[in-house]
Amino acid sequence: MNPYILLALVIGWGASVAGAGWYGIGLGEGRIIAKQASDDKIRQETREAAQQGAADAIAKLKPVNTTIVQKTQREIRENTVYAECRVPASGVQLANQAITGRPAQPAGDQQLPAADAPKR
């Protein structure tokens, strides 16, 4: 066999393998780009559908103003106030004795000490 023919076959085979690889890589890149575009389109459609659903739900909301009417209830309490009630000194001593548990000393008729003159 002629070496030139053999060399031409090897070069042709290598070129076909390289071309097939180049074509396959191009198809793979195209497929990736198409897949990404499809994913982006699906995301965009989902986002628009969610926004539309939220807008519809917000549009359906209607504020309801309710006035609550009730009868006023009045409660009247009588608190008896003994304005003129005075406890004698012996009653105060007995109350103090009951509170402290010791016999109280009578207050007596002592006068309070005089106030000192202010110092200037």
C-alpha atoms as a PDB file:
ATOM      1  CA  MET A   1       0.000   0.000   0.000  1.00  0.00           C
ATOM      2  CA  ASN A   2       1.077   3.445  -0.701  1.00  0.00           C
ATOM      3  CA  PRO A   3       2.141   5.355   2.439  1.00  0.00           C
ATOM      4  CA  TYR A   4       0.501   8.510   1.163  1.00  0.00           C
ATOM      5  CA  ILE A   5      -2.877   6.831   0.950  1.00  0.00           C
ATOM      6  CA  LEU A   6      -2.425   5.442   4.443  1.00  0.00           C
ATOM      7  CA  LEU A   7      -1.404   8.861   5.694  1.00  0.00           C
ATOM      8  CA  ALA A   8      -4.440  10.441   3.976  1.00  0.00           C
ATOM      9  CA  LEU A   9      -6.755   7.872   5.613  1.00  0.00           C
ATOM     10  CA  VAL A  10      -5.303   8.548   9.067  1.00  0.00           C
ATOM     11  CA  ILE A  11      -5.587  12.298   8.575  1.00  0.00           C
ATOM     12  CA  GLY A  12      -9.160  11.899   7.268  1.00  0.00           C
ATOM     13  CA  TRP A  13     -10.070   9.661  10.202  1.00  0.00           C
ATOM     14  CA  GLY A  14      -8.540  12.139  12.683  1.00  0.00           C
ATOM     15  CA  ALA A  15     -10.370  15.012  11.028  1.00  0.00           C
ATOM     16  CA  SER A  16     -13.662  13.141  11.226  1.00  0.00           C
ATOM     17  CA  VAL A  17     -13.100  12.341  14.927  1.00  0.00           C
ATOM     18  CA  ALA A  18     -12.174  15.975  15.616  1.00  0.00           C
ATOM     19  CA  GLY A  19     -15.207  17.195  13.659  1.00  0.00           C
ATOM     20  CA  ALA A  20     -17.498  14.794  15.497  1.00  0.00           C
ATOM     21  CA  GLY A  21     -16.088  15.969  18.826  1.00  0.00           C
ATOM     22  CA  TRP A  22     -16.445  19.611  17.833  1.00  0.00           C
ATOM     23  CA  TYR A  23     -20.017  18.979  16.729  1.00  0.00           C
ATOM     24  CA  GLY A  24     -20.800  17.035  19.924  1.00  0.00           C
ATOM     25  CA  ILE A  25     -19.386  19.771  22.133  1.00  0.00           C
ATOM     26  CA  GLY A  26     -21.458  22.320  20.230  1.00  0.00           C
ATOM     27  CA  LEU A  27     -24.571  20.217  20.720  1.00  0.00           C
ATOM     28  CA  GLY A  28     -23.812  19.866  24.438  1.00  0.00           C
ATOM     29  CA  GLU A  29     -23.362  23.603  24.875  1.00  0.00           C
ATOM     30  CA  GLY A  30     -26.535  24.269  22.924  1.00  0.00           C
ATOM     31  CA  ARG A  31     -28.406  21.785  25.079  1.00  0.00           C
ATOM     32  CA  ILE A  32     -27.116  23.459  28.264  1.00  0.00           C
ATOM     33  CA  ILE A  33     -28.109  26.892  26.967  1.00  0.00           C
ATOM     34  CA  ALA A  34     -31.557  25.599  25.973  1.00  0.00           C
ATOM     35  CA  LYS A  35     -32.013  23.950  29.385  1.00  0.00           C
ATOM     36  CA  GLN A  36     -31.027  27.176  31.171  1.00  0.00           C
ATOM     37  CA  ALA A  37     -33.429  29.188  29.009  1.00  0.00           C
ATOM     38  CA  SER A  38     -36.198  26.698  29.772  1.00  0.00           C
ATOM     39  CA  ASP A  39     -35.481  26.900  33.519  1.00  0.00           C
ATOM     40  CA  ASP A  40     -35.471  30.709  33.384  1.00  0.00           C
ATOM     41  CA  LYS A  41     -38.783  30.709  31.529  1.00  0.00           C
ATOM     42  CA  ILE A  42     -40.340  28.316  34.072  1.00  0.00           C
ATOM     43  CA  ARG A  43     -39.075  30.489  36.948  1.00  0.00           C
ATOM     44  CA  GLN A  44     -40.486  33.621  35.335  1.00  0.00           C
ATOM     45  CA  GLU A  45     -43.875  31.987  34.692  1.00  0.00           C
ATOM     46  CA  THR A  46     -44.023  30.714  38.272  1.00  0.00           C
ATOM     47  CA  ARG A  47     -43.157  34.159  39.641  1.00  0.00           C
ATOM     48  CA  GLU A  48     -45.824  35.820  37.479  1.00  0.00           C
ATOM     49  CA  ALA A  49     -48.423  33.236  38.535  1.00  0.00           C
ATOM     50  CA  ALA A  50     -47.566  33.779  42.222  1.00  0.00           C
ATOM     51  CA  GLN A  51     -47.802  37.549  41.846  1.00  0.00           C
ATOM     52  CA  GLN A  52     -51.117  37.241  40.035  1.00  0.00           C
ATOM     53  CA  GLY A  53     -52.460  34.917  42.736  1.00  0.00           C
ATOM     54  CA  ALA A  54     -51.356  37.304  45.474  1.00  0.00           C
ATOM     55  CA  ALA A  55     -52.912  40.257  43.638  1.00  0.00           C
ATOM     56  CA  ASP A  56     -56.191  38.364  43.264  1.00  0.00           C
ATOM     57  CA  ALA A  57     -56.196  37.408  46.956  1.00  0.00           C
ATOM     58  CA  ILE A  58     -55.485  41.002  47.995  1.00  0.00           C
ATOM     59  CA  ALA A  59     -58.239  42.270  45.701  1.00  0.00           C
ATOM     60  CA  LYS A  60     -60.752  39.930  47.379  1.00  0.00           C
ATOM     61  CA  LEU A  61     -60.024  41.372  50.831  1.00  0.00           C
ATOM     62  CA  LYS A  62     -62.696  43.751  51.923  1.00  0.00           C
ATOM     63  CA  PRO A  63     -62.455  45.664  55.204  1.00  0.00           C
ATOM     64  CA  VAL A  64     -65.356  45.113  57.546  1.00  0.00           C
ATOM     65  CA  ASN A  65     -66.194  47.905  59.966  1.00  0.00           C
ATOM     66  CA  THR A  66     -68.329  46.721  62.842  1.00  0.00           C
ATOM     67  CA  THR A  67     -69.872  48.977  65.434  1.00  0.00           C
ATOM     68  CA  ILE A  68     -70.345  47.240  68.737  1.00  0.00           C
ATOM     69  CA  VAL A  69     -73.370  48.443  70.615  1.00  0.00           C
ATOM     70  CA  GLN A  70     -73.950  47.319  74.156  1.00  0.00           C
ATOM     71  CA  LYS A  71     -76.060  48.602  76.974  1.00  0.00           C
ATOM     72  CA  THR A  72     -74.137  50.387  79.639  1.00  0.00           C
ATOM     73  CA  GLN A  73     -74.205  48.567  82.922  1.00  0.00           C
ATOM     74  CA  ARG A  74     -74.144  50.623  86.050  1.00  0.00           C
ATOM     75  CA  GLU A  75     -73.190  49.337  89.375  1.00  0.00           C
ATOM     76  CA  ILE A  76     -74.103  51.389  92.373  1.00  0.00           C
ATOM     77  CA  ARG A  77     -72.277  50.655  95.562  1.00  0.00           C
ATOM     78  CA  GLU A  78     -72.971  52.210  98.846  1.00  0.00           C
ATOM     79  CA  ASN A  79     -69.932  52.854 100.934  1.00  0.00           C
ATOM     80  CA  THR A  80     -70.880  54.032 104.351  1.00  0.00           C
ATOM     81  CA  VAL A  81     -68.488  56.695 105.500  1.00  0.00           C
ATOM     82  CA  TYR A  82     -68.468  57.530 109.172  1.00  0.00           C
ATOM     83  CA  ALA A  83     -67.240  61.103 109.019  1.00  0.00           C
ATOM     84  CA  GLU A  84     -67.882  61.885 112.638  1.00  0.00           C
ATOM     85  CA  CYS A  85     -66.419  58.686 114.059  1.00  0.00           C
ATOM     86  CA  ARG A  86     -63.701  59.332 116.602  1.00  0.00           C
ATOM     87  CA  VAL A  87     -61.756  56.714 118.516  1.00  0.00           C
ATOM     88  CA  PRO A  88     -60.887  57.640 122.091  1.00  0.00           C
ATOM     89  CA  ALA A  89     -57.265  57.408 123.277  1.00  0.00           C
ATOM     90  CA  SER A  90     -58.012  54.182 125.145  1.00  0.00           C
ATOM     91  CA  GLY A  91     -59.267  52.611 121.899  1.00  0.00           C
ATOM     92  CA  VAL A  92     -56.077  53.605 120.073  1.00  0.00           C
ATOM     93  CA  GLN A  93     -54.015  52.098 122.916  1.00  0.00           C
ATOM     94  CA  LEU A  94     -55.958  48.849 122.718  1.00  0.00           C
ATOM     95  CA  ALA A  95     -55.519  48.717 118.922  1.00  0.00           C
ATOM     96  CA  ASN A  96     -51.766  49.357 119.203  1.00  0.00           C
ATOM     97  CA  GLN A  97     -51.514  46.688 121.887  1.00  0.00           C
ATOM     98  CA  ALA A  98     -53.322  44.196 119.651  1.00  0.00           C
ATOM     99  CA  ILE A  99     -51.070  44.984 116.689  1.00  0.00           C
ATOM    100  CA  THR A 100     -47.720  44.915 118.478  1.00  0.00           C
ATOM    101  CA  GLY A 101     -48.514  42.350 121.171  1.00  0.00           C
ATOM    102  CA  ARG A 102     -47.043  44.543 123.970  1.00  0.00           C
ATOM    103  CA  PRO A 103     -48.817  46.751 126.391  1.00  0.00           C
ATOM    104  CA  ALA A 104     -48.953  50.312 125.137  1.00  0.00           C
ATOM    105  CA  GLN A 105     -47.819  53.195 127.296  1.00  0.00           C
ATOM    106  CA  PRO A 106     -50.331  55.980 127.747  1.00  0.00           C
ATOM    107  CA  ALA A 107     -49.520  59.126 125.831  1.00  0.00           C
ATOM    108  CA  GLY A 108     -50.224  61.413 128.781  1.00  0.00           C
ATOM    109  CA  ASP A 109     -50.544  65.150 128.780  1.00  0.00           C
ATOM    110  CA  GLN A 110     -46.999  65.973 127.750  1.00  0.00           C
ATOM    111  CA  GLN A 111     -46.243  68.874 125.462  1.00  0.00           C
ATOM    112  CA  LEU A 112     -44.078  68.657 122.375  1.00  0.00           C
ATOM    113  CA  PRO A 113     -40.630  70.202 122.715  1.00  0.00           C
ATOM    114  CA  ALA A 114     -40.253  73.722 121.411  1.00  0.00           C
ATOM    115  CA  ALA A 115     -38.750  74.134 117.986  1.00  0.00           C
ATOM    116  CA  ASP A 116     -35.190  75.507 117.858  1.00  0.00           C
ATOM    117  CA  ALA A 117     -34.667  78.834 116.213  1.00  0.00           C
ATOM    118  CA  PRO A 118     -33.275  78.449 112.699  1.00  0.00           C
ATOM    119  CA  LYS A 119     -29.579  79.123 112.381  1.00  0.00           C
ATOM    120  CA  ARG A 120     -28.554  81.786 109.932  1.00  0.00           C
END
